[in-house]
Amino acid sequence: MLDNIYLEALTAVVEEGGFDKAALKLNISQSAVSQRIRNFEEQLGRVLVVRSTPPEPTEDGRKLIKHLRTIRLMEYELTDSMGLNPSGEFITLPVGVNADSLATWFMDALESFMKEHNVLFDLYVDDENRTHEMLRRGEVVGCIGTGSKPVKGCRSDYLATFDYLCLSTPDFCRRWFKNGFNLETVAKAPAAVFNRKDETQSRMLEKNFPGELVTHPIFYVPSTESFVDVICRELAYGMVPEFQVEEQLKSGQLIEVTTQGRVPVSLYWHSWNVDTELLNKLRQELIKFFN
């Protein structure tokens, strides 16, 4: 049998990012946390946590953490349905989401869900084509991602497709692309890119210049709000979801640099294939928002 005291210690160390923070969360000493982890590892005969900074779970550790999170979810639903949660305790759901969704529609879609249920989110933010890895490792119960194929043991639901546009101000476009959007001008013009995992810029360039190796100055801006601000300040051009800048496009503050620059990005909700009312309602709220 797996001892929940040990499971809670393991999960706290990973979730809180350290043995000292886990001790504060569990209201015990740091040495007690370390002892519980050591006892758990000795009991199972395998290493569960790599003592790095922050601590990283091993593959076996991830499986155990996912197991505890599943137990938490099912226990919450059981006690809530039986009226055994009079104090209104919250359950925390770890969810992976991309920055653009978080900055725009995500909270609008789930506001009523959070108010109806005593749910808090522990949001893990990464690029939309990387969030699946969090789900695969058991770090989150669900994620917003671009791949349609479900992760093993999970389900996938289509949400919506958004066009990312290649945008700049009119003055920036006249300055850098007066001779057109071609290999020569692109090699000189600064482009805003969210981070080194962001693939929308490279997908746009591949669409315009198939098979060509294109290098250009890059302004890395890992913030959705600041990303648009950098473009509006004429410091770079970049790929932005159309729905995020409807007003700027309508006013003419921003324009499309190239008509061949649209990159469609489809978003899917991936979640554990666990039949619980809470996860089902979360899924339904996301799907309903786009229909």
C-alpha atoms as a PDB file:
ATOM      1  CA  MET A   1       0.000   0.000   0.000  1.00  0.00           C
ATOM      2  CA  LEU A   2       1.148   3.532  -0.761  1.00  0.00           C
ATOM      3  CA  ASP A   3       1.214   5.815   2.266  1.00  0.00           C
ATOM      4  CA  ASN A   4      -0.447   9.171   1.560  1.00  0.00           C
ATOM      5  CA  ILE A   5       1.907  10.885   4.014  1.00  0.00           C
ATOM      6  CA  TYR A   6       4.816   9.920   1.789  1.00  0.00           C
ATOM      7  CA  LEU A   7       2.907  10.810  -1.390  1.00  0.00           C
ATOM      8  CA  GLU A   8       2.051  14.245   0.000  1.00  0.00           C
ATOM      9  CA  ALA A   9       5.695  14.893   0.905  1.00  0.00           C
ATOM     10  CA  LEU A  10       6.920  13.872  -2.541  1.00  0.00           C
ATOM     11  CA  THR A  11       4.315  15.992  -4.301  1.00  0.00           C
ATOM     12  CA  ALA A  12       4.937  19.024  -2.084  1.00  0.00           C
ATOM     13  CA  VAL A  13       8.697  18.939  -2.759  1.00  0.00           C
ATOM     14  CA  VAL A  14       8.101  18.969  -6.529  1.00  0.00           C
ATOM     15  CA  GLU A  15       5.156  21.397  -6.571  1.00  0.00           C
ATOM     16  CA  GLU A  16       6.779  23.900  -4.214  1.00  0.00           C
ATOM     17  CA  GLY A  17      10.228  23.587  -5.797  1.00  0.00           C
ATOM     18  CA  GLY A  18      12.222  22.639  -2.704  1.00  0.00           C
ATOM     19  CA  PHE A  19      12.363  20.744   0.601  1.00  0.00           C
ATOM     20  CA  ASP A  20      12.202  23.941   2.681  1.00  0.00           C
ATOM     21  CA  LYS A  21       9.082  25.216   0.903  1.00  0.00           C
ATOM     22  CA  ALA A  22       7.492  21.780   1.127  1.00  0.00           C
ATOM     23  CA  ALA A  23       8.091  21.850   4.894  1.00  0.00           C
ATOM     24  CA  LEU A  24       6.249  25.172   5.173  1.00  0.00           C
ATOM     25  CA  LYS A  25       3.315  23.842   3.156  1.00  0.00           C
ATOM     26  CA  LEU A  26       3.051  20.642   5.196  1.00  0.00           C
ATOM     27  CA  ASN A  27       3.754  22.452   8.499  1.00  0.00           C
ATOM     28  CA  ILE A  28       6.583  20.100   9.449  1.00  0.00           C
ATOM     29  CA  SER A  29      10.363  20.469   9.620  1.00  0.00           C
ATOM     30  CA  GLN A  30      12.585  20.243   6.550  1.00  0.00           C
ATOM     31  CA  SER A  31      14.357  17.245   8.069  1.00  0.00           C
ATOM     32  CA  ALA A  32      10.973  15.507   8.451  1.00  0.00           C
ATOM     33  CA  VAL A  33      10.247  16.063   4.752  1.00  0.00           C
ATOM     34  CA  SER A  34      13.662  14.665   3.808  1.00  0.00           C
ATOM     35  CA  GLN A  35      13.134  11.660   6.079  1.00  0.00           C
ATOM     36  CA  ARG A  36       9.744  10.900   4.522  1.00  0.00           C
ATOM     37  CA  ILE A  37      11.211  11.010   1.024  1.00  0.00           C
ATOM     38  CA  ARG A  38      14.116   8.754   2.062  1.00  0.00           C
ATOM     39  CA  ASN A  39      11.749   6.286   3.736  1.00  0.00           C
ATOM     40  CA  PHE A  40       9.519   6.262   0.650  1.00  0.00           C
ATOM     41  CA  GLU A  41      12.475   5.615  -1.651  1.00  0.00           C
ATOM     42  CA  GLU A  42      13.770   2.833   0.608  1.00  0.00           C
ATOM     43  CA  GLN A  43      10.313   1.276   0.786  1.00  0.00           C
ATOM     44  CA  LEU A  44       9.985   1.217  -3.016  1.00  0.00           C
ATOM     45  CA  GLY A  45      13.647   0.527  -3.716  1.00  0.00           C
ATOM     46  CA  ARG A  46      14.058   3.355  -6.242  1.00  0.00           C
ATOM     47  CA  VAL A  47      14.961   7.044  -6.463  1.00  0.00           C
ATOM     48  CA  LEU A  48      11.915   9.314  -6.696  1.00  0.00           C
ATOM     49  CA  VAL A  49      13.477  12.782  -6.642  1.00  0.00           C
ATOM     50  CA  VAL A  50      16.678  14.139  -8.177  1.00  0.00           C
ATOM     51  CA  ARG A  51      18.168  16.482  -5.556  1.00  0.00           C
ATOM     52  CA  SER A  52      18.702  19.353  -7.979  1.00  0.00           C
ATOM     53  CA  THR A  53      17.634  22.998  -7.722  1.00  0.00           C
ATOM     54  CA  PRO A  54      14.692  22.851  -7.990  1.00  0.00           C
ATOM     55  CA  PRO A  55      14.191  19.135  -7.239  1.00  0.00           C
ATOM     56  CA  GLU A  56      13.088  17.096 -10.265  1.00  0.00           C
ATOM     57  CA  PRO A  57      10.965  13.948 -10.014  1.00  0.00           C
ATOM     58  CA  THR A  58      12.200  10.787 -11.689  1.00  0.00           C
ATOM     59  CA  GLU A  59       9.872   8.922 -14.023  1.00  0.00           C
ATOM     60  CA  ASP A  60       8.659   6.820 -11.087  1.00  0.00           C
ATOM     61  CA  GLY A  61       8.234   9.974  -9.023  1.00  0.00           C
ATOM     62  CA  ARG A  62       6.049  11.524 -11.735  1.00  0.00           C
ATOM     63  CA  LYS A  63       3.802   8.468 -11.788  1.00  0.00           C
ATOM     64  CA  LEU A  64       3.314   8.666  -8.031  1.00  0.00           C
ATOM     65  CA  ILE A  65       2.557  12.392  -8.120  1.00  0.00           C
ATOM     66  CA  LYS A  66      -0.018  11.840 -10.862  1.00  0.00           C
ATOM     67  CA  HIS A  67      -1.544   9.085  -8.736  1.00  0.00           C
ATOM     68  CA  LEU A  68      -1.913  11.434  -5.759  1.00  0.00           C
ATOM     69  CA  ARG A  69      -3.432  14.169  -7.914  1.00  0.00           C
ATOM     70  CA  THR A  70      -5.978  11.679  -9.239  1.00  0.00           C
ATOM     71  CA  ILE A  71      -6.836  10.646  -5.678  1.00  0.00           C
ATOM     72  CA  ARG A  72      -7.235  14.298  -4.638  1.00  0.00           C
ATOM     73  CA  LEU A  73      -9.609  14.937  -7.530  1.00  0.00           C
ATOM     74  CA  MET A  74     -11.766  11.892  -6.859  1.00  0.00           C
ATOM     75  CA  GLU A  75     -11.863  12.473  -3.089  1.00  0.00           C
ATOM     76  CA  TYR A  76     -12.899  16.093  -3.606  1.00  0.00           C
ATOM     77  CA  GLU A  77     -15.771  15.045  -5.861  1.00  0.00           C
ATOM     78  CA  LEU A  78     -16.908  12.347  -3.439  1.00  0.00           C
ATOM     79  CA  THR A  79     -16.914  14.556  -0.340  1.00  0.00           C
ATOM     80  CA  ASP A  80     -18.523  17.431  -2.252  1.00  0.00           C
ATOM     81  CA  SER A  81     -21.326  15.231  -3.622  1.00  0.00           C
ATOM     82  CA  MET A  82     -21.999  13.844  -0.132  1.00  0.00           C
ATOM     83  CA  GLY A  83     -22.125  17.303   1.437  1.00  0.00           C
ATOM     84  CA  LEU A  84     -18.992  16.573   3.464  1.00  0.00           C
ATOM     85  CA  ASN A  85     -17.236  19.780   2.441  1.00  0.00           C
ATOM     86  CA  PRO A  86     -19.159  22.348   4.528  1.00  0.00           C
ATOM     87  CA  SER A  87     -16.160  24.621   4.925  1.00  0.00           C
ATOM     88  CA  GLY A  88     -15.946  24.995   1.160  1.00  0.00           C
ATOM     89  CA  GLU A  89     -12.351  23.821   0.822  1.00  0.00           C
ATOM     90  CA  PHE A  90     -10.749  24.446  -2.555  1.00  0.00           C
ATOM     91  CA  ILE A  91      -9.152  21.930  -4.860  1.00  0.00           C
ATOM     92  CA  THR A  92      -6.204  23.071  -6.973  1.00  0.00           C
ATOM     93  CA  LEU A  93      -6.007  21.870 -10.570  1.00  0.00           C
ATOM     94  CA  PRO A  94      -2.619  22.149 -12.311  1.00  0.00           C
ATOM     95  CA  VAL A  95      -3.253  23.204 -15.922  1.00  0.00           C
ATOM     96  CA  GLY A  96      -0.896  23.960 -18.816  1.00  0.00           C
ATOM     97  CA  VAL A  97      -1.701  26.950 -20.999  1.00  0.00           C
ATOM     98  CA  ASN A  98       0.074  29.020 -23.638  1.00  0.00           C
ATOM     99  CA  ALA A  99       0.744  32.704 -22.928  1.00  0.00           C
ATOM    100  CA  ASP A 100      -1.470  34.086 -25.721  1.00  0.00           C
ATOM    101  CA  SER A 101      -4.508  32.142 -24.500  1.00  0.00           C
ATOM    102  CA  LEU A 102      -3.881  33.125 -20.887  1.00  0.00           C
ATOM    103  CA  ALA A 103      -3.605  36.811 -21.813  1.00  0.00           C
ATOM    104  CA  THR A 104      -6.776  36.832 -23.899  1.00  0.00           C
ATOM    105  CA  TRP A 105      -9.627  34.311 -23.683  1.00  0.00           C
ATOM    106  CA  PHE A 106      -8.691  31.635 -21.110  1.00  0.00           C
ATOM    107  CA  MET A 107     -10.019  33.288 -17.931  1.00  0.00           C
ATOM    108  CA  ASP A 108     -13.149  34.521 -19.732  1.00  0.00           C
ATOM    109  CA  ALA A 109     -13.906  30.933 -20.704  1.00  0.00           C
ATOM    110  CA  LEU A 110     -13.491  29.556 -17.180  1.00  0.00           C
ATOM    111  CA  GLU A 111     -14.612  32.402 -14.913  1.00  0.00           C
ATOM    112  CA  SER A 112     -18.105  30.997 -14.320  1.00  0.00           C
ATOM    113  CA  PHE A 113     -16.684  27.488 -13.803  1.00  0.00           C
ATOM    114  CA  MET A 114     -14.347  28.756 -11.077  1.00  0.00           C
ATOM    115  CA  LYS A 115     -17.142  30.668  -9.366  1.00  0.00           C
ATOM    116  CA  GLU A 116     -19.492  27.686  -9.466  1.00  0.00           C
ATOM    117  CA  HIS A 117     -16.929  25.264  -8.037  1.00  0.00           C
ATOM    118  CA  ASN A 118     -14.323  25.721  -5.328  1.00  0.00           C
ATOM    119  CA  VAL A 119     -11.506  25.405  -7.830  1.00  0.00           C
ATOM    120  CA  LEU A 120      -8.160  27.139  -8.018  1.00  0.00           C
ATOM    121  CA  PHE A 121      -5.764  26.783 -10.943  1.00  0.00           C
ATOM    122  CA  ASP A 122      -2.042  26.206 -10.704  1.00  0.00           C
ATOM    123  CA  LEU A 123      -1.156  27.479 -14.167  1.00  0.00           C
ATOM    124  CA  TYR A 124       1.954  26.269 -15.978  1.00  0.00           C
ATOM    125  CA  VAL A 125       2.737  28.548 -18.929  1.00  0.00           C
ATOM    126  CA  ASP A 126       4.654  27.384 -21.982  1.00  0.00           C
ATOM    127  CA  ASP A 127       4.498  27.592 -25.763  1.00  0.00           C
ATOM    128  CA  GLU A 128       1.320  26.032 -27.189  1.00  0.00           C
ATOM    129  CA  ASN A 129       3.259  23.261 -28.937  1.00  0.00           C
ATOM    130  CA  ARG A 130       5.136  22.357 -25.729  1.00  0.00           C
ATOM    131  CA  THR A 131       2.347  22.087 -23.142  1.00  0.00           C
ATOM    132  CA  HIS A 132       1.664  18.447 -24.117  1.00  0.00           C
ATOM    133  CA  GLU A 133       4.933  17.460 -22.496  1.00  0.00           C
ATOM    134  CA  MET A 134       3.641  18.691 -19.116  1.00  0.00           C
ATOM    135  CA  LEU A 135       0.607  16.439 -19.517  1.00  0.00           C
ATOM    136  CA  ARG A 136       2.769  13.507 -20.614  1.00  0.00           C
ATOM    137  CA  ARG A 137       4.905  13.909 -17.478  1.00  0.00           C
ATOM    138  CA  GLY A 138       1.813  14.079 -15.251  1.00  0.00           C
ATOM    139  CA  GLU A 139       2.536  17.642 -14.119  1.00  0.00           C
ATOM    140  CA  VAL A 140      -0.914  18.918 -15.161  1.00  0.00           C
ATOM    141  CA  VAL A 141      -4.421  17.433 -15.396  1.00  0.00           C
ATOM    142  CA  GLY A 142      -5.039  19.192 -18.703  1.00  0.00           C
ATOM    143  CA  CYS A 143      -3.482  21.628 -21.140  1.00  0.00           C
ATOM    144  CA  ILE A 144      -4.128  23.892 -24.106  1.00  0.00           C
ATOM    145  CA  GLY A 145      -2.026  22.619 -27.009  1.00  0.00           C
ATOM    146  CA  THR A 146      -1.743  22.537 -30.783  1.00  0.00           C
ATOM    147  CA  GLY A 147      -1.448  18.807 -31.448  1.00  0.00           C
ATOM    148  CA  SER A 148      -4.678  16.933 -32.196  1.00  0.00           C
ATOM    149  CA  LYS A 149      -3.338  13.485 -31.254  1.00  0.00           C
ATOM    150  CA  PRO A 150      -4.100  12.625 -27.617  1.00  0.00           C
ATOM    151  CA  VAL A 151      -1.288  11.874 -25.210  1.00  0.00           C
ATOM    152  CA  LYS A 152      -1.390   8.253 -24.023  1.00  0.00           C
ATOM    153  CA  GLY A 153      -4.041   7.884 -21.331  1.00  0.00           C
ATOM    154  CA  CYS A 154      -5.614  11.253 -22.206  1.00  0.00           C
ATOM    155  CA  ARG A 155      -8.298  12.669 -24.469  1.00  0.00           C
ATOM    156  CA  SER A 156      -8.231  15.529 -26.964  1.00  0.00           C
ATOM    157  CA  ASP A 157     -10.977  18.015 -27.923  1.00  0.00           C
ATOM    158  CA  TYR A 158     -10.805  20.623 -30.678  1.00  0.00           C
ATOM    159  CA  LEU A 159     -11.420  24.187 -29.483  1.00  0.00           C
ATOM    160  CA  ALA A 160     -10.730  26.710 -32.244  1.00  0.00           C
ATOM    161  CA  THR A 161      -8.338  27.842 -34.964  1.00  0.00           C
ATOM    162  CA  PHE A 162      -6.779  31.322 -34.873  1.00  0.00           C
ATOM    163  CA  ASP A 163      -4.855  33.131 -37.574  1.00  0.00           C
ATOM    164  CA  TYR A 164      -1.517  34.620 -36.547  1.00  0.00           C
ATOM    165  CA  LEU A 165      -0.745  37.642 -38.728  1.00  0.00           C
ATOM    166  CA  CYS A 166       2.606  39.136 -39.700  1.00  0.00           C
ATOM    167  CA  LEU A 167       2.171  42.703 -38.425  1.00  0.00           C
ATOM    168  CA  SER A 168       3.952  46.023 -38.107  1.00  0.00           C
ATOM    169  CA  THR A 169       3.081  49.701 -38.044  1.00  0.00           C
ATOM    170  CA  PRO A 170       2.750  51.445 -41.452  1.00  0.00           C
ATOM    171  CA  ASP A 171       5.913  53.479 -40.798  1.00  0.00           C
ATOM    172  CA  PHE A 172       7.930  50.398 -39.854  1.00  0.00           C
ATOM    173  CA  CYS A 173       6.758  48.659 -43.006  1.00  0.00           C
ATOM    174  CA  ARG A 174       7.724  51.631 -45.180  1.00  0.00           C
ATOM    175  CA  ARG A 175      11.142  51.833 -43.526  1.00  0.00           C
ATOM    176  CA  TRP A 176      12.142  48.171 -43.683  1.00  0.00           C
ATOM    177  CA  PHE A 177      10.050  46.724 -46.495  1.00  0.00           C
ATOM    178  CA  LYS A 178       9.821  49.570 -49.006  1.00  0.00           C
ATOM    179  CA  ASN A 179      11.313  47.219 -51.607  1.00  0.00           C
ATOM    180  CA  GLY A 180       8.941  44.420 -50.687  1.00  0.00           C
ATOM    181  CA  PHE A 181       8.960  41.457 -48.333  1.00  0.00           C
ATOM    182  CA  ASN A 182      11.849  39.451 -49.759  1.00  0.00           C
ATOM    183  CA  LEU A 183      14.939  37.594 -48.573  1.00  0.00           C
ATOM    184  CA  GLU A 184      17.096  40.721 -48.680  1.00  0.00           C
ATOM    185  CA  THR A 185      14.754  42.935 -46.641  1.00  0.00           C
ATOM    186  CA  VAL A 186      13.798  40.185 -44.184  1.00  0.00           C
ATOM    187  CA  ALA A 187      17.479  39.542 -43.417  1.00  0.00           C
ATOM    188  CA  LYS A 188      17.816  43.127 -42.135  1.00  0.00           C
ATOM    189  CA  ALA A 189      14.492  43.856 -40.402  1.00  0.00           C
ATOM    190  CA  PRO A 190      14.190  43.126 -36.648  1.00  0.00           C
ATOM    191  CA  ALA A 191      11.490  40.571 -35.827  1.00  0.00           C
ATOM    192  CA  ALA A 192       9.801  40.069 -32.463  1.00  0.00           C
ATOM    193  CA  VAL A 193       9.694  36.424 -31.325  1.00  0.00           C
ATOM    194  CA  PHE A 194       8.077  35.306 -28.068  1.00  0.00           C
ATOM    195  CA  ASN A 195      10.874  32.923 -27.052  1.00  0.00           C
ATOM    196  CA  ARG A 196      13.200  30.325 -28.512  1.00  0.00           C
ATOM    197  CA  LYS A 197      10.399  27.746 -28.559  1.00  0.00           C
ATOM    198  CA  ASP A 198       8.075  29.976 -30.599  1.00  0.00           C
ATOM    199  CA  GLU A 199       7.648  28.536 -34.099  1.00  0.00           C
ATOM    200  CA  THR A 200       5.151  30.955 -35.684  1.00  0.00           C
ATOM    201  CA  GLN A 201       7.835  33.252 -37.136  1.00  0.00           C
ATOM    202  CA  SER A 202       9.745  30.356 -38.693  1.00  0.00           C
ATOM    203  CA  ARG A 203       6.495  28.863 -40.034  1.00  0.00           C
ATOM    204  CA  MET A 204       5.641  32.184 -41.659  1.00  0.00           C
ATOM    205  CA  LEU A 205       9.087  32.447 -43.254  1.00  0.00           C
ATOM    206  CA  GLU A 206       8.893  28.869 -44.531  1.00  0.00           C
ATOM    207  CA  LYS A 207       5.530  29.694 -46.087  1.00  0.00           C
ATOM    208  CA  ASN A 208       6.975  32.738 -47.874  1.00  0.00           C
ATOM    209  CA  PHE A 209      10.399  31.300 -48.719  1.00  0.00           C
ATOM    210  CA  PRO A 210      10.062  27.495 -49.024  1.00  0.00           C
ATOM    211  CA  GLY A 211      13.321  25.635 -48.513  1.00  0.00           C
ATOM    212  CA  GLU A 212      15.336  28.792 -47.792  1.00  0.00           C
ATOM    213  CA  LEU A 213      17.475  29.245 -44.688  1.00  0.00           C
ATOM    214  CA  VAL A 214      16.462  32.704 -43.433  1.00  0.00           C
ATOM    215  CA  THR A 215      18.430  34.504 -40.721  1.00  0.00           C
ATOM    216  CA  HIS A 216      17.407  37.882 -39.332  1.00  0.00           C
ATOM    217  CA  PRO A 217      17.696  40.083 -36.205  1.00  0.00           C
ATOM    218  CA  ILE A 218      15.455  38.797 -33.396  1.00  0.00           C
ATOM    219  CA  PHE A 219      13.921  40.714 -30.500  1.00  0.00           C
ATOM    220  CA  TYR A 220      12.861  38.106 -27.898  1.00  0.00           C
ATOM    221  CA  VAL A 221       9.807  39.297 -25.964  1.00  0.00           C
ATOM    222  CA  PRO A 222       8.404  36.599 -23.599  1.00  0.00           C
ATOM    223  CA  SER A 223       5.306  38.605 -22.657  1.00  0.00           C
ATOM    224  CA  THR A 224       2.079  38.722 -24.666  1.00  0.00           C
ATOM    225  CA  GLU A 225       1.265  42.319 -23.723  1.00  0.00           C
ATOM    226  CA  SER A 226       4.808  43.618 -24.226  1.00  0.00           C
ATOM    227  CA  PHE A 227       5.071  41.706 -27.504  1.00  0.00           C
ATOM    228  CA  VAL A 228       2.340  43.817 -29.096  1.00  0.00           C
ATOM    229  CA  ASP A 229       3.755  46.936 -27.454  1.00  0.00           C
ATOM    230  CA  VAL A 230       7.159  46.322 -29.058  1.00  0.00           C
ATOM    231  CA  ILE A 231       5.500  46.127 -32.476  1.00  0.00           C
ATOM    232  CA  CYS A 232       3.386  49.238 -31.866  1.00  0.00           C
ATOM    233  CA  ARG A 233       6.530  51.130 -30.800  1.00  0.00           C
ATOM    234  CA  GLU A 234       8.041  50.283 -34.210  1.00  0.00           C
ATOM    235  CA  LEU A 235      10.902  48.317 -32.674  1.00  0.00           C
ATOM    236  CA  ALA A 236      10.125  45.146 -34.644  1.00  0.00           C
ATOM    237  CA  TYR A 237       7.497  43.323 -36.655  1.00  0.00           C
ATOM    238  CA  GLY A 238       6.005  40.022 -35.521  1.00  0.00           C
ATOM    239  CA  MET A 239       3.364  37.316 -35.534  1.00  0.00           C
ATOM    240  CA  VAL A 240       0.271  38.130 -33.460  1.00  0.00           C
ATOM    241  CA  PRO A 241      -3.114  36.346 -33.166  1.00  0.00           C
ATOM    242  CA  GLU A 242      -5.697  38.361 -35.083  1.00  0.00           C
ATOM    243  CA  PHE A 243      -8.256  38.439 -32.256  1.00  0.00           C
ATOM    244  CA  GLN A 244      -5.728  40.090 -29.937  1.00  0.00           C
ATOM    245  CA  VAL A 245      -5.238  43.198 -32.105  1.00  0.00           C
ATOM    246  CA  GLU A 246      -8.628  43.747 -33.749  1.00  0.00           C
ATOM    247  CA  GLU A 247      -8.778  47.384 -32.623  1.00  0.00           C
ATOM    248  CA  GLN A 248      -5.254  48.196 -33.839  1.00  0.00           C
ATOM    249  CA  LEU A 249      -6.010  46.614 -37.218  1.00  0.00           C
ATOM    250  CA  LYS A 250      -9.297  48.460 -37.537  1.00  0.00           C
ATOM    251  CA  SER A 251      -7.707  51.821 -36.697  1.00  0.00           C
ATOM    252  CA  GLY A 252      -4.767  51.221 -39.042  1.00  0.00           C
ATOM    253  CA  GLN A 253      -2.205  51.375 -36.245  1.00  0.00           C
ATOM    254  CA  LEU A 254      -1.052  47.928 -37.338  1.00  0.00           C
ATOM    255  CA  ILE A 255      -1.049  46.436 -40.833  1.00  0.00           C
ATOM    256  CA  GLU A 256      -0.161  43.098 -42.394  1.00  0.00           C
ATOM    257  CA  VAL A 257       3.413  43.140 -43.664  1.00  0.00           C
ATOM    258  CA  THR A 258       2.690  40.356 -46.149  1.00  0.00           C
ATOM    259  CA  THR A 259      -0.561  38.798 -47.300  1.00  0.00           C
ATOM    260  CA  GLN A 260       1.258  35.452 -47.358  1.00  0.00           C
ATOM    261  CA  GLY A 261       2.099  35.787 -43.684  1.00  0.00           C
ATOM    262  CA  ARG A 262      -0.983  34.210 -42.094  1.00  0.00           C
ATOM    263  CA  VAL A 263      -0.284  31.117 -40.003  1.00  0.00           C
ATOM    264  CA  PRO A 264      -3.329  29.198 -38.710  1.00  0.00           C
ATOM    265  CA  VAL A 265      -2.893  27.748 -35.215  1.00  0.00           C
ATOM    266  CA  SER A 266      -5.463  25.213 -34.010  1.00  0.00           C
ATOM    267  CA  LEU A 267      -5.916  24.784 -30.273  1.00  0.00           C
ATOM    268  CA  TYR A 268      -7.045  21.633 -28.476  1.00  0.00           C
ATOM    269  CA  TRP A 269      -7.896  20.815 -24.891  1.00  0.00           C
ATOM    270  CA  HIS A 270      -5.991  17.738 -23.720  1.00  0.00           C
ATOM    271  CA  SER A 271      -6.867  16.185 -20.380  1.00  0.00           C
ATOM    272  CA  TRP A 272      -6.580  13.032 -18.329  1.00  0.00           C
ATOM    273  CA  ASN A 273      -9.017  10.366 -19.438  1.00  0.00           C
ATOM    274  CA  VAL A 274     -10.463  10.161 -15.929  1.00  0.00           C
ATOM    275  CA  ASP A 275     -14.238  10.130 -15.631  1.00  0.00           C
ATOM    276  CA  THR A 276     -14.842  12.777 -12.969  1.00  0.00           C
ATOM    277  CA  GLU A 277     -17.596  15.370 -12.978  1.00  0.00           C
ATOM    278  CA  LEU A 278     -15.186  18.235 -12.318  1.00  0.00           C
ATOM    279  CA  LEU A 279     -12.879  17.484 -15.254  1.00  0.00           C
ATOM    280  CA  ASN A 280     -15.873  16.848 -17.501  1.00  0.00           C
ATOM    281  CA  LYS A 281     -17.392  20.230 -16.604  1.00  0.00           C
ATOM    282  CA  LEU A 282     -14.054  21.965 -17.173  1.00  0.00           C
ATOM    283  CA  ARG A 283     -13.859  20.365 -20.614  1.00  0.00           C
ATOM    284  CA  GLN A 284     -17.455  21.298 -21.423  1.00  0.00           C
ATOM    285  CA  GLU A 285     -16.904  24.940 -20.428  1.00  0.00           C
ATOM    286  CA  LEU A 286     -13.920  25.259 -22.763  1.00  0.00           C
ATOM    287  CA  ILE A 287     -15.721  23.659 -25.690  1.00  0.00           C
ATOM    288  CA  LYS A 288     -18.876  25.723 -25.086  1.00  0.00           C
ATOM    289  CA  PHE A 289     -16.884  28.976 -25.106  1.00  0.00           C
ATOM    290  CA  PHE A 290     -16.020  28.513 -28.774  1.00  0.00           C
ATOM    291  CA  ASN A 291     -19.442  27.301 -29.940  1.00  0.00           C
END
